[in-house]
Amino acid sequence: MKKLAGLVLIALLSVACNSDNSLFKRAQLAASKGKINEAMQLYTRLLKQNPKAATAYLNRGVLWENLSAKDAQEKQKNRNFAEQDYLKAIETDPSLSQAYNNLGALYIEQGLYEEAVSNLDHAIYYTPTYFTAHMNRAIAYSRLGHIAQALKDFDIAEQLRKEEPMLYFNRGVAYYNIKQYEKAVEDFSHAIMYAPQNPRFFLERARALDKAGYPANAYADLEEAIALQPSYAMAYYLMSELLYRKGDWEMALGYLARAKELANQYVPIYELMGDMLAMQDPIAATANYMVAVKLDPANASKYKRKIALMRSEKGREQVVTERFKPKDIK
């Protein structure tokens, strides 16, 4: 399994060759033990002996994606090697649906959604009951804004595997993005039913509950998320905004301070801290916006604008009203 943009889990499948090739078996064993470099070397040796071993290309591509990288540049380099292996697998065996699926998943991760759909179309053509390919294509369609197609694929996936929590999670995200919050809550609830120990499911249901007009229920879900994962910075971040809107200013700042301790490079924390402090302590608010400028230079103009607004009471009020509903201002 691998994460997509911190939000979605996409399966990368590896499959076995039909032969009894000892190199293949040794590569599989090494991979199962987490010895990725050794497994990759074995697959490379196998491919030198048998350049037509499509599943060896496929499995080596999976390993490239799972290989640790010291920075984003090296990570992209690994993805490029994975892409080459998936394409080679398809060239060698044009009906290998897993290779199309993995390539589609790789493209989703890189924001290449149209390319992803094209490859996932092929995966589903060769294996119409391919659950993971349907779910991945639904995600790609959702990112493209093609919601009807996305929901159709999610529904097909549900018929194929009704007890898969990630199905309901991903469909819940799709419903949330089109502002169908009640349906999102329903899907997140199904995900929680099948995986009650996953704090992310509670956090996302909390978002949807809050948007649907149930802040008390959202608060309870965020408490559960924190109970499951006490170091969950995003849960503290969302809890702080919820508490602020309730009027519990001091507790809101406390939760936000905890979020900052856990994720001190997460820019939205500094912006929210500045917005919360704008009326009570514009100097401290300015300091937080300045940190945001440093951490997020691409959006510096947004934070500099807020810094300028701190110079007058009217400007400070504007910052707060832009962030929160007027009835939430205390």
C-alpha atoms as a PDB file:
ATOM      1  CA  MET A   1       0.000   0.000   0.000  1.00  0.00           C
ATOM      2  CA  LYS A   2       1.127   3.571  -0.518  1.00  0.00           C
ATOM      3  CA  LYS A   3      -0.210   7.003   0.400  1.00  0.00           C
ATOM      4  CA  LEU A   4      -1.516   9.464  -2.132  1.00  0.00           C
ATOM      5  CA  ALA A   5      -0.987  13.181  -1.141  1.00  0.00           C
ATOM      6  CA  GLY A   6      -1.247  12.307   2.486  1.00  0.00           C
ATOM      7  CA  LEU A   7      -4.944  11.571   2.012  1.00  0.00           C
ATOM      8  CA  VAL A   8      -5.616   8.308  -0.058  1.00  0.00           C
ATOM      9  CA  LEU A   9      -4.237   4.774   0.123  1.00  0.00           C
ATOM     10  CA  ILE A  10      -3.604   3.077  -3.196  1.00  0.00           C
ATOM     11  CA  ALA A  11      -2.626  -0.574  -3.496  1.00  0.00           C
ATOM     12  CA  LEU A  12       0.486  -1.470  -5.445  1.00  0.00           C
ATOM     13  CA  LEU A  13       0.188  -5.134  -6.310  1.00  0.00           C
ATOM     14  CA  SER A  14       3.045  -7.495  -7.001  1.00  0.00           C
ATOM     15  CA  VAL A  15       2.382 -10.822  -8.676  1.00  0.00           C
ATOM     16  CA  ALA A  16       4.291 -14.041  -9.005  1.00  0.00           C
ATOM     17  CA  CYS A  17       5.818 -15.451 -12.145  1.00  0.00           C
ATOM     18  CA  ASN A  18       4.469 -18.758 -13.346  1.00  0.00           C
ATOM     19  CA  SER A  19       7.952 -20.213 -13.518  1.00  0.00           C
ATOM     20  CA  ASP A  20       9.894 -21.779 -10.675  1.00  0.00           C
ATOM     21  CA  ASN A  21      12.791 -19.439 -11.211  1.00  0.00           C
ATOM     22  CA  SER A  22      14.863 -19.484  -8.038  1.00  0.00           C
ATOM     23  CA  LEU A  23      15.897 -15.855  -8.507  1.00  0.00           C
ATOM     24  CA  PHE A  24      12.256 -14.833  -8.553  1.00  0.00           C
ATOM     25  CA  LYS A  25      11.509 -16.770  -5.382  1.00  0.00           C
ATOM     26  CA  ARG A  26      14.557 -15.300  -3.666  1.00  0.00           C
ATOM     27  CA  ALA A  27      13.518 -11.794  -4.750  1.00  0.00           C
ATOM     28  CA  GLN A  28      10.010 -12.314  -3.383  1.00  0.00           C
ATOM     29  CA  LEU A  29      11.410 -13.618  -0.098  1.00  0.00           C
ATOM     30  CA  ALA A  30      13.797 -10.673   0.242  1.00  0.00           C
ATOM     31  CA  ALA A  31      10.976  -8.220  -0.475  1.00  0.00           C
ATOM     32  CA  SER A  32       8.719  -9.892   2.093  1.00  0.00           C
ATOM     33  CA  LYS A  33      11.451  -9.355   4.694  1.00  0.00           C
ATOM     34  CA  GLY A  34      11.823  -5.683   3.813  1.00  0.00           C
ATOM     35  CA  LYS A  35      15.179  -6.176   2.083  1.00  0.00           C
ATOM     36  CA  ILE A  36      14.283  -3.933  -0.820  1.00  0.00           C
ATOM     37  CA  ASN A  37      17.753  -3.371  -2.279  1.00  0.00           C
ATOM     38  CA  GLU A  38      18.512  -7.083  -2.253  1.00  0.00           C
ATOM     39  CA  ALA A  39      15.190  -7.867  -3.908  1.00  0.00           C
ATOM     40  CA  MET A  40      15.779  -5.259  -6.600  1.00  0.00           C
ATOM     41  CA  GLN A  41      19.209  -6.680  -7.360  1.00  0.00           C
ATOM     42  CA  LEU A  42      17.719 -10.152  -7.709  1.00  0.00           C
ATOM     43  CA  TYR A  43      14.992  -8.928 -10.072  1.00  0.00           C
ATOM     44  CA  THR A  44      17.632  -7.143 -12.136  1.00  0.00           C
ATOM     45  CA  ARG A  45      19.668 -10.337 -12.411  1.00  0.00           C
ATOM     46  CA  LEU A  46      16.537 -12.245 -13.412  1.00  0.00           C
ATOM     47  CA  LEU A  47      15.672  -9.711 -16.110  1.00  0.00           C
ATOM     48  CA  LYS A  48      19.153  -9.987 -17.588  1.00  0.00           C
ATOM     49  CA  GLN A  49      18.517 -13.705 -17.935  1.00  0.00           C
ATOM     50  CA  ASN A  50      14.908 -13.328 -19.089  1.00  0.00           C
ATOM     51  CA  PRO A  51      14.058  -9.860 -20.487  1.00  0.00           C
ATOM     52  CA  LYS A  52      10.479 -11.025 -21.127  1.00  0.00           C
ATOM     53  CA  ALA A  53       9.645 -11.571 -17.426  1.00  0.00           C
ATOM     54  CA  ALA A  54       6.892  -8.956 -17.220  1.00  0.00           C
ATOM     55  CA  THR A  55       6.066  -9.647 -13.587  1.00  0.00           C
ATOM     56  CA  ALA A  56       9.682  -9.044 -12.615  1.00  0.00           C
ATOM     57  CA  TYR A  57       9.460  -5.547 -14.125  1.00  0.00           C
ATOM     58  CA  LEU A  58       6.171  -5.045 -12.308  1.00  0.00           C
ATOM     59  CA  ASN A  59       7.523  -6.114  -8.933  1.00  0.00           C
ATOM     60  CA  ARG A  60      10.726  -4.118  -9.332  1.00  0.00           C
ATOM     61  CA  GLY A  61       8.593  -1.071 -10.096  1.00  0.00           C
ATOM     62  CA  VAL A  62       6.756  -1.585  -6.816  1.00  0.00           C
ATOM     63  CA  LEU A  63      10.078  -1.750  -5.009  1.00  0.00           C
ATOM     64  CA  TRP A  64      11.288   1.456  -6.653  1.00  0.00           C
ATOM     65  CA  GLU A  65       8.225   3.204  -5.234  1.00  0.00           C
ATOM     66  CA  ASN A  66       8.858   1.819  -1.770  1.00  0.00           C
ATOM     67  CA  LEU A  67      12.574   2.562  -1.744  1.00  0.00           C
ATOM     68  CA  SER A  68      13.486   5.130   0.898  1.00  0.00           C
ATOM     69  CA  ALA A  69      14.650   8.519  -0.403  1.00  0.00           C
ATOM     70  CA  LYS A  70      16.615  11.249   1.337  1.00  0.00           C
ATOM     71  CA  ASP A  71      14.710  14.099  -0.331  1.00  0.00           C
ATOM     72  CA  ALA A  72      11.974  14.966  -2.812  1.00  0.00           C
ATOM     73  CA  GLN A  73      14.388  14.940  -5.747  1.00  0.00           C
ATOM     74  CA  GLU A  74      15.501  11.397  -5.020  1.00  0.00           C
ATOM     75  CA  LYS A  75      11.888  10.344  -4.456  1.00  0.00           C
ATOM     76  CA  GLN A  76      10.971  11.633  -7.912  1.00  0.00           C
ATOM     77  CA  LYS A  77      13.935   9.804  -9.392  1.00  0.00           C
ATOM     78  CA  ASN A  78      12.652   6.574  -7.850  1.00  0.00           C
ATOM     79  CA  ARG A  79       9.185   7.241  -9.260  1.00  0.00           C
ATOM     80  CA  ASN A  80      10.694   7.708 -12.707  1.00  0.00           C
ATOM     81  CA  PHE A  81      12.419   4.329 -12.458  1.00  0.00           C
ATOM     82  CA  ALA A  82       9.137   2.771 -11.291  1.00  0.00           C
ATOM     83  CA  GLU A  83       7.331   4.298 -14.264  1.00  0.00           C
ATOM     84  CA  GLN A  84       9.931   2.859 -16.638  1.00  0.00           C
ATOM     85  CA  ASP A  85       9.490  -0.599 -15.125  1.00  0.00           C
ATOM     86  CA  TYR A  86       5.699  -0.474 -15.327  1.00  0.00           C
ATOM     87  CA  LEU A  87       5.886   0.629 -18.967  1.00  0.00           C
ATOM     88  CA  LYS A  88       8.353  -2.174 -19.707  1.00  0.00           C
ATOM     89  CA  ALA A  89       6.017  -4.666 -18.049  1.00  0.00           C
ATOM     90  CA  ILE A  90       3.157  -3.451 -20.269  1.00  0.00           C
ATOM     91  CA  GLU A  91       5.359  -3.593 -23.367  1.00  0.00           C
ATOM     92  CA  THR A  92       6.277  -7.165 -22.496  1.00  0.00           C
ATOM     93  CA  ASP A  93       2.733  -8.222 -21.572  1.00  0.00           C
ATOM     94  CA  PRO A  94       0.090  -5.768 -22.860  1.00  0.00           C
ATOM     95  CA  SER A  95      -2.665  -7.552 -20.899  1.00  0.00           C
ATOM     96  CA  LEU A  96      -0.991  -7.252 -17.476  1.00  0.00           C
ATOM     97  CA  SER A  97      -3.701  -5.318 -15.656  1.00  0.00           C
ATOM     98  CA  GLN A  98      -1.678  -4.864 -12.468  1.00  0.00           C
ATOM     99  CA  ALA A  99       0.943  -2.866 -14.355  1.00  0.00           C
ATOM    100  CA  TYR A 100      -1.723  -0.494 -15.716  1.00  0.00           C
ATOM    101  CA  ASN A 101      -3.183  -0.133 -12.223  1.00  0.00           C
ATOM    102  CA  ASN A 102       0.171   0.632 -10.634  1.00  0.00           C
ATOM    103  CA  LEU A 103       1.049   3.102 -13.353  1.00  0.00           C
ATOM    104  CA  GLY A 104      -2.313   4.777 -12.867  1.00  0.00           C
ATOM    105  CA  ALA A 105      -1.722   4.968  -9.122  1.00  0.00           C
ATOM    106  CA  LEU A 106       1.707   6.478  -9.732  1.00  0.00           C
ATOM    107  CA  TYR A 107       0.215   9.142 -11.995  1.00  0.00           C
ATOM    108  CA  ILE A 108      -2.465   9.994  -9.426  1.00  0.00           C
ATOM    109  CA  GLU A 109       0.257  10.602  -6.869  1.00  0.00           C
ATOM    110  CA  GLN A 110       1.898  13.049  -9.261  1.00  0.00           C
ATOM    111  CA  GLY A 111      -1.326  14.856 -10.157  1.00  0.00           C
ATOM    112  CA  LEU A 112      -1.468  13.415 -13.689  1.00  0.00           C
ATOM    113  CA  TYR A 113      -5.107  12.437 -13.456  1.00  0.00           C
ATOM    114  CA  GLU A 114      -5.965  12.107 -17.156  1.00  0.00           C
ATOM    115  CA  GLU A 115      -2.975   9.816 -17.692  1.00  0.00           C
ATOM    116  CA  ALA A 116      -4.082   7.860 -14.639  1.00  0.00           C
ATOM    117  CA  VAL A 117      -7.595   7.357 -16.000  1.00  0.00           C
ATOM    118  CA  SER A 118      -6.216   6.172 -19.346  1.00  0.00           C
ATOM    119  CA  ASN A 119      -4.116   3.472 -17.707  1.00  0.00           C
ATOM    120  CA  LEU A 120      -6.822   2.453 -15.267  1.00  0.00           C
ATOM    121  CA  ASP A 121      -9.213   2.078 -18.203  1.00  0.00           C
ATOM    122  CA  HIS A 122      -6.843  -0.562 -19.546  1.00  0.00           C
ATOM    123  CA  ALA A 123      -6.542  -2.272 -16.166  1.00  0.00           C
ATOM    124  CA  ILE A 124     -10.326  -2.572 -15.942  1.00  0.00           C
ATOM    125  CA  TYR A 125     -10.650  -3.628 -19.588  1.00  0.00           C
ATOM    126  CA  TYR A 126      -8.396  -6.626 -18.971  1.00  0.00           C
ATOM    127  CA  THR A 127      -9.807  -7.347 -15.496  1.00  0.00           C
ATOM    128  CA  PRO A 128     -13.360  -5.952 -15.188  1.00  0.00           C
ATOM    129  CA  THR A 129     -13.675  -7.042 -11.537  1.00  0.00           C
ATOM    130  CA  TYR A 130     -10.423  -5.350 -10.480  1.00  0.00           C
ATOM    131  CA  PHE A 131     -11.489  -3.672  -7.224  1.00  0.00           C
ATOM    132  CA  THR A 132      -8.357  -1.567  -6.736  1.00  0.00           C
ATOM    133  CA  ALA A 133      -8.408  -0.274 -10.298  1.00  0.00           C
ATOM    134  CA  HIS A 134     -12.036   0.819  -9.954  1.00  0.00           C
ATOM    135  CA  MET A 135     -11.237   2.613  -6.699  1.00  0.00           C
ATOM    136  CA  ASN A 136      -8.151   4.265  -8.158  1.00  0.00           C
ATOM    137  CA  ARG A 137     -10.038   5.400 -11.243  1.00  0.00           C
ATOM    138  CA  ALA A 138     -12.751   6.807  -9.003  1.00  0.00           C
ATOM    139  CA  ILE A 139     -10.104   8.823  -7.163  1.00  0.00           C
ATOM    140  CA  ALA A 140      -8.664  10.108 -10.442  1.00  0.00           C
ATOM    141  CA  TYR A 141     -12.114  11.053 -11.739  1.00  0.00           C
ATOM    142  CA  SER A 142     -12.855  12.817  -8.453  1.00  0.00           C
ATOM    143  CA  ARG A 143      -9.660  14.853  -8.707  1.00  0.00           C
ATOM    144  CA  LEU A 144     -10.614  15.816 -12.261  1.00  0.00           C
ATOM    145  CA  GLY A 145     -14.017  16.970 -11.047  1.00  0.00           C
ATOM    146  CA  HIS A 146     -15.852  14.205 -12.920  1.00  0.00           C
ATOM    147  CA  ILE A 147     -17.969  13.287  -9.934  1.00  0.00           C
ATOM    148  CA  ALA A 148     -20.605  11.214 -11.728  1.00  0.00           C
ATOM    149  CA  GLN A 149     -17.943   8.904 -13.175  1.00  0.00           C
ATOM    150  CA  ALA A 150     -16.155   8.770  -9.824  1.00  0.00           C
ATOM    151  CA  LEU A 151     -19.289   7.754  -7.943  1.00  0.00           C
ATOM    152  CA  LYS A 152     -20.075   5.114 -10.562  1.00  0.00           C
ATOM    153  CA  ASP A 153     -16.649   3.537 -10.030  1.00  0.00           C
ATOM    154  CA  PHE A 154     -16.976   3.749  -6.257  1.00  0.00           C
ATOM    155  CA  ASP A 155     -20.340   1.992  -6.491  1.00  0.00           C
ATOM    156  CA  ILE A 156     -18.862  -0.783  -8.641  1.00  0.00           C
ATOM    157  CA  ALA A 157     -16.016  -1.160  -6.156  1.00  0.00           C
ATOM    158  CA  GLU A 158     -18.539  -1.406  -3.326  1.00  0.00           C
ATOM    159  CA  GLN A 159     -20.252  -4.301  -5.090  1.00  0.00           C
ATOM    160  CA  LEU A 160     -16.904  -6.042  -5.450  1.00  0.00           C
ATOM    161  CA  ARG A 161     -15.742  -5.570  -1.860  1.00  0.00           C
ATOM    162  CA  LYS A 162     -18.308  -4.246   0.581  1.00  0.00           C
ATOM    163  CA  GLU A 163     -16.163  -4.385   3.719  1.00  0.00           C
ATOM    164  CA  GLU A 164     -13.185  -2.353   2.511  1.00  0.00           C
ATOM    165  CA  PRO A 165     -12.855   0.749   4.744  1.00  0.00           C
ATOM    166  CA  MET A 166     -10.718   2.680   2.260  1.00  0.00           C
ATOM    167  CA  LEU A 167     -13.538   2.491  -0.274  1.00  0.00           C
ATOM    168  CA  TYR A 168     -15.895   4.343   2.049  1.00  0.00           C
ATOM    169  CA  PHE A 169     -13.161   6.734   3.142  1.00  0.00           C
ATOM    170  CA  ASN A 170     -12.306   7.733  -0.431  1.00  0.00           C
ATOM    171  CA  ARG A 171     -15.943   8.065  -1.447  1.00  0.00           C
ATOM    172  CA  GLY A 172     -16.546  10.138   1.675  1.00  0.00           C
ATOM    173  CA  VAL A 173     -13.755  12.478   0.607  1.00  0.00           C
ATOM    174  CA  ALA A 174     -15.362  12.765  -2.829  1.00  0.00           C
ATOM    175  CA  TYR A 175     -18.738  13.636  -1.294  1.00  0.00           C
ATOM    176  CA  TYR A 176     -17.073  16.155   1.036  1.00  0.00           C
ATOM    177  CA  ASN A 177     -15.369  17.873  -1.886  1.00  0.00           C
ATOM    178  CA  ILE A 178     -18.718  18.427  -3.626  1.00  0.00           C
ATOM    179  CA  LYS A 179     -20.265  19.637  -0.350  1.00  0.00           C
ATOM    180  CA  GLN A 180     -22.564  16.653   0.139  1.00  0.00           C
ATOM    181  CA  TYR A 181     -21.647  16.529   3.810  1.00  0.00           C
ATOM    182  CA  GLU A 182     -24.418  14.217   5.021  1.00  0.00           C
ATOM    183  CA  LYS A 183     -23.384  11.546   2.510  1.00  0.00           C
ATOM    184  CA  ALA A 184     -19.760  12.083   3.465  1.00  0.00           C
ATOM    185  CA  VAL A 185     -20.646  11.493   7.126  1.00  0.00           C
ATOM    186  CA  GLU A 186     -22.438   8.279   6.173  1.00  0.00           C
ATOM    187  CA  ASP A 187     -19.427   6.941   4.261  1.00  0.00           C
ATOM    188  CA  PHE A 188     -16.926   7.950   6.938  1.00  0.00           C
ATOM    189  CA  SER A 189     -19.161   6.169   9.458  1.00  0.00           C
ATOM    190  CA  HIS A 190     -18.973   2.993   7.371  1.00  0.00           C
ATOM    191  CA  ALA A 191     -15.191   3.325   7.220  1.00  0.00           C
ATOM    192  CA  ILE A 192     -15.081   3.652  11.014  1.00  0.00           C
ATOM    193  CA  MET A 193     -17.322   0.604  11.413  1.00  0.00           C
ATOM    194  CA  TYR A 194     -14.811  -1.525   9.520  1.00  0.00           C
ATOM    195  CA  ALA A 195     -11.665   0.142  10.920  1.00  0.00           C
ATOM    196  CA  PRO A 196     -12.502   1.726  14.306  1.00  0.00           C
ATOM    197  CA  GLN A 197      -8.846   2.244  15.241  1.00  0.00           C
ATOM    198  CA  ASN A 198      -8.043   4.590  12.354  1.00  0.00           C
ATOM    199  CA  PRO A 199      -7.816   8.172  13.680  1.00  0.00           C
ATOM    200  CA  ARG A 200      -7.923   9.685  10.181  1.00  0.00           C
ATOM    201  CA  PHE A 201     -11.442   8.369   9.666  1.00  0.00           C
ATOM    202  CA  PHE A 202     -12.650  10.143  12.808  1.00  0.00           C
ATOM    203  CA  LEU A 203     -10.896  13.358  11.781  1.00  0.00           C
ATOM    204  CA  GLU A 204     -12.494  13.401   8.339  1.00  0.00           C
ATOM    205  CA  ARG A 205     -15.913  12.610   9.763  1.00  0.00           C
ATOM    206  CA  ALA A 206     -15.414  15.508  12.164  1.00  0.00           C
ATOM    207  CA  ARG A 207     -14.798  17.844   9.206  1.00  0.00           C
ATOM    208  CA  ALA A 208     -17.974  16.647   7.523  1.00  0.00           C
ATOM    209  CA  LEU A 209     -20.036  16.810  10.718  1.00  0.00           C
ATOM    210  CA  ASP A 210     -18.921  20.378  11.339  1.00  0.00           C
ATOM    211  CA  LYS A 211     -19.841  21.396   7.787  1.00  0.00           C
ATOM    212  CA  ALA A 212     -23.185  19.601   8.134  1.00  0.00           C
ATOM    213  CA  GLY A 213     -23.977  21.683  11.216  1.00  0.00           C
ATOM    214  CA  TYR A 214     -23.139  19.252  14.018  1.00  0.00           C
ATOM    215  CA  PRO A 215     -20.164  20.866  15.823  1.00  0.00           C
ATOM    216  CA  ALA A 216     -20.729  18.904  19.052  1.00  0.00           C
ATOM    217  CA  ASN A 217     -20.462  15.616  17.176  1.00  0.00           C
ATOM    218  CA  ALA A 218     -17.409  16.925  15.348  1.00  0.00           C
ATOM    219  CA  TYR A 219     -15.815  17.783  18.691  1.00  0.00           C
ATOM    220  CA  ALA A 220     -16.451  14.233  19.938  1.00  0.00           C
ATOM    221  CA  ASP A 221     -14.849  12.739  16.823  1.00  0.00           C
ATOM    222  CA  LEU A 222     -11.764  14.923  17.194  1.00  0.00           C
ATOM    223  CA  GLU A 223     -11.457  13.833  20.812  1.00  0.00           C
ATOM    224  CA  GLU A 224     -11.584  10.217  19.635  1.00  0.00           C
ATOM    225  CA  ALA A 225      -8.947  10.890  16.971  1.00  0.00           C
ATOM    226  CA  ILE A 226      -6.626  12.361  19.591  1.00  0.00           C
ATOM    227  CA  ALA A 227      -7.306   9.468  21.967  1.00  0.00           C
ATOM    228  CA  LEU A 228      -6.310   7.031  19.223  1.00  0.00           C
ATOM    229  CA  GLN A 229      -3.258   9.063  18.217  1.00  0.00           C
ATOM    230  CA  PRO A 230      -2.136  11.569  20.866  1.00  0.00           C
ATOM    231  CA  SER A 231       0.441  13.031  18.473  1.00  0.00           C
ATOM    232  CA  TYR A 232      -2.115  13.793  15.747  1.00  0.00           C
ATOM    233  CA  ALA A 233      -1.279  17.424  14.984  1.00  0.00           C
ATOM    234  CA  MET A 234      -4.097  17.920  12.481  1.00  0.00           C
ATOM    235  CA  ALA A 235      -6.688  16.853  15.063  1.00  0.00           C
ATOM    236  CA  TYR A 236      -5.404  19.473  17.502  1.00  0.00           C
ATOM    237  CA  TYR A 237      -5.405  22.045  14.716  1.00  0.00           C
ATOM    238  CA  LEU A 238      -9.028  21.390  13.784  1.00  0.00           C
ATOM    239  CA  MET A 239     -10.072  21.199  17.431  1.00  0.00           C
ATOM    240  CA  SER A 240      -8.576  24.640  18.053  1.00  0.00           C
ATOM    241  CA  GLU A 241     -10.644  26.268  15.315  1.00  0.00           C
ATOM    242  CA  LEU A 242     -13.773  24.500  16.512  1.00  0.00           C
ATOM    243  CA  LEU A 243     -13.187  25.669  20.084  1.00  0.00           C
ATOM    244  CA  TYR A 244     -12.549  29.235  18.939  1.00  0.00           C
ATOM    245  CA  ARG A 245     -15.855  29.307  17.129  1.00  0.00           C
ATOM    246  CA  LYS A 246     -17.510  28.021  20.301  1.00  0.00           C
ATOM    247  CA  GLY A 247     -16.032  30.969  22.169  1.00  0.00           C
ATOM    248  CA  ASP A 248     -13.468  29.008  24.217  1.00  0.00           C
ATOM    249  CA  TRP A 249     -10.571  31.243  23.212  1.00  0.00           C
ATOM    250  CA  GLU A 250      -7.981  30.101  25.777  1.00  0.00           C
ATOM    251  CA  MET A 251      -8.550  26.377  25.205  1.00  0.00           C
ATOM    252  CA  ALA A 252      -8.455  26.966  21.449  1.00  0.00           C
ATOM    253  CA  LEU A 253      -5.024  28.566  21.736  1.00  0.00           C
ATOM    254  CA  GLY A 254      -3.870  25.701  23.936  1.00  0.00           C
ATOM    255  CA  TYR A 255      -4.825  23.100  21.360  1.00  0.00           C
ATOM    256  CA  LEU A 256      -3.232  25.143  18.595  1.00  0.00           C
ATOM    257  CA  ALA A 257      -0.024  25.479  20.601  1.00  0.00           C
ATOM    258  CA  ARG A 258       0.039  21.698  20.925  1.00  0.00           C
ATOM    259  CA  ALA A 259      -0.450  21.353  17.170  1.00  0.00           C
ATOM    260  CA  LYS A 260       2.514  23.691  16.650  1.00  0.00           C
ATOM    261  CA  GLU A 261       4.676  21.554  18.944  1.00  0.00           C
ATOM    262  CA  LEU A 262       3.834  18.466  16.917  1.00  0.00           C
ATOM    263  CA  ALA A 263       4.092  20.008  13.425  1.00  0.00           C
ATOM    264  CA  ASN A 264       6.103  23.207  13.574  1.00  0.00           C
ATOM    265  CA  GLN A 265       6.551  23.349   9.792  1.00  0.00           C
ATOM    266  CA  TYR A 266       2.820  23.231   9.035  1.00  0.00           C
ATOM    267  CA  VAL A 267       2.053  26.730   7.761  1.00  0.00           C
ATOM    268  CA  PRO A 268      -1.744  26.803   8.368  1.00  0.00           C
ATOM    269  CA  ILE A 269      -1.071  26.559  12.114  1.00  0.00           C
ATOM    270  CA  TYR A 270       0.751  29.907  12.084  1.00  0.00           C
ATOM    271  CA  GLU A 271      -1.906  31.540   9.952  1.00  0.00           C
ATOM    272  CA  LEU A 272      -4.694  30.312  12.237  1.00  0.00           C
ATOM    273  CA  MET A 273      -2.729  31.422  15.299  1.00  0.00           C
ATOM    274  CA  GLY A 274      -2.361  34.866  13.763  1.00  0.00           C
ATOM    275  CA  ASP A 275      -6.059  35.046  12.936  1.00  0.00           C
ATOM    276  CA  MET A 276      -7.025  34.038  16.466  1.00  0.00           C
ATOM    277  CA  LEU A 277      -4.668  36.557  18.051  1.00  0.00           C
ATOM    278  CA  ALA A 278      -5.496  39.414  15.683  1.00  0.00           C
ATOM    279  CA  MET A 279      -7.882  41.247  18.028  1.00  0.00           C
ATOM    280  CA  GLN A 280      -6.243  40.437  21.378  1.00  0.00           C
ATOM    281  CA  ASP A 281      -2.537  40.599  20.482  1.00  0.00           C
ATOM    282  CA  PRO A 282      -1.762  41.986  17.012  1.00  0.00           C
ATOM    283  CA  ILE A 283       1.988  41.938  17.703  1.00  0.00           C
ATOM    284  CA  ALA A 284       1.921  38.192  18.373  1.00  0.00           C
ATOM    285  CA  ALA A 285      -0.372  37.744  15.371  1.00  0.00           C
ATOM    286  CA  THR A 286       2.148  39.569  13.188  1.00  0.00           C
ATOM    287  CA  ALA A 287       4.952  37.328  14.464  1.00  0.00           C
ATOM    288  CA  ASN A 288       2.979  34.247  13.409  1.00  0.00           C
ATOM    289  CA  TYR A 289       2.281  35.661   9.953  1.00  0.00           C
ATOM    290  CA  MET A 290       5.997  36.406   9.578  1.00  0.00           C
ATOM    291  CA  VAL A 291       6.795  32.752  10.293  1.00  0.00           C
ATOM    292  CA  ALA A 292       4.242  31.793   7.634  1.00  0.00           C
ATOM    293  CA  VAL A 293       5.998  34.101   5.143  1.00  0.00           C
ATOM    294  CA  LYS A 294       9.302  32.367   5.854  1.00  0.00           C
ATOM    295  CA  LEU A 295       7.899  28.827   5.624  1.00  0.00           C
ATOM    296  CA  ASP A 296       5.662  29.469   2.614  1.00  0.00           C
ATOM    297  CA  PRO A 297       7.300  32.099   0.382  1.00  0.00           C
ATOM    298  CA  ALA A 298       5.108  31.096  -2.569  1.00  0.00           C
ATOM    299  CA  ASN A 299       2.099  32.559  -0.727  1.00  0.00           C
ATOM    300  CA  ALA A 300       3.951  35.367   1.036  1.00  0.00           C
ATOM    301  CA  SER A 301       1.645  38.053  -0.355  1.00  0.00           C
ATOM    302  CA  LYS A 302      -1.327  36.574   1.508  1.00  0.00           C
ATOM    303  CA  TYR A 303       0.440  36.727   4.878  1.00  0.00           C
ATOM    304  CA  LYS A 304       1.990  40.148   4.192  1.00  0.00           C
ATOM    305  CA  ARG A 305      -1.470  41.492   3.522  1.00  0.00           C
ATOM    306  CA  LYS A 306      -2.577  40.304   6.956  1.00  0.00           C
ATOM    307  CA  ILE A 307       0.525  41.834   8.528  1.00  0.00           C
ATOM    308  CA  ALA A 308      -0.449  45.178   6.997  1.00  0.00           C
ATOM    309  CA  LEU A 309      -4.019  44.802   8.291  1.00  0.00           C
ATOM    310  CA  MET A 310      -2.717  44.421  11.855  1.00  0.00           C
ATOM    311  CA  ARG A 311      -1.926  48.157  11.880  1.00  0.00           C
ATOM    312  CA  SER A 312      -5.530  49.221  12.458  1.00  0.00           C
ATOM    313  CA  GLU A 313      -8.479  47.949  14.434  1.00  0.00           C
ATOM    314  CA  LYS A 314     -10.600  47.907  11.299  1.00  0.00           C
ATOM    315  CA  GLY A 315      -7.962  45.799   9.546  1.00  0.00           C
ATOM    316  CA  ARG A 316      -7.781  43.361  12.445  1.00  0.00           C
ATOM    317  CA  GLU A 317     -11.550  42.993  12.430  1.00  0.00           C
ATOM    318  CA  GLN A 318     -11.396  42.300   8.705  1.00  0.00           C
ATOM    319  CA  VAL A 319      -8.917  39.468   9.204  1.00  0.00           C
ATOM    320  CA  VAL A 320     -11.109  37.834  11.829  1.00  0.00           C
ATOM    321  CA  THR A 321     -14.352  38.194   9.894  1.00  0.00           C
ATOM    322  CA  GLU A 322     -12.717  36.741   6.787  1.00  0.00           C
ATOM    323  CA  ARG A 323     -11.688  33.660   8.753  1.00  0.00           C
ATOM    324  CA  PHE A 324     -14.668  33.197  11.025  1.00  0.00           C
ATOM    325  CA  LYS A 325     -18.365  33.916  10.818  1.00  0.00           C
ATOM    326  CA  PRO A 326     -19.308  37.190  12.551  1.00  0.00           C
ATOM    327  CA  LYS A 327     -21.266  35.335  15.233  1.00  0.00           C
ATOM    328  CA  ASP A 328     -18.115  33.385  16.104  1.00  0.00           C
ATOM    329  CA  ILE A 329     -16.052  36.478  16.966  1.00  0.00           C
ATOM    330  CA  LYS A 330     -15.576  36.938  20.695  1.00  0.00           C
END
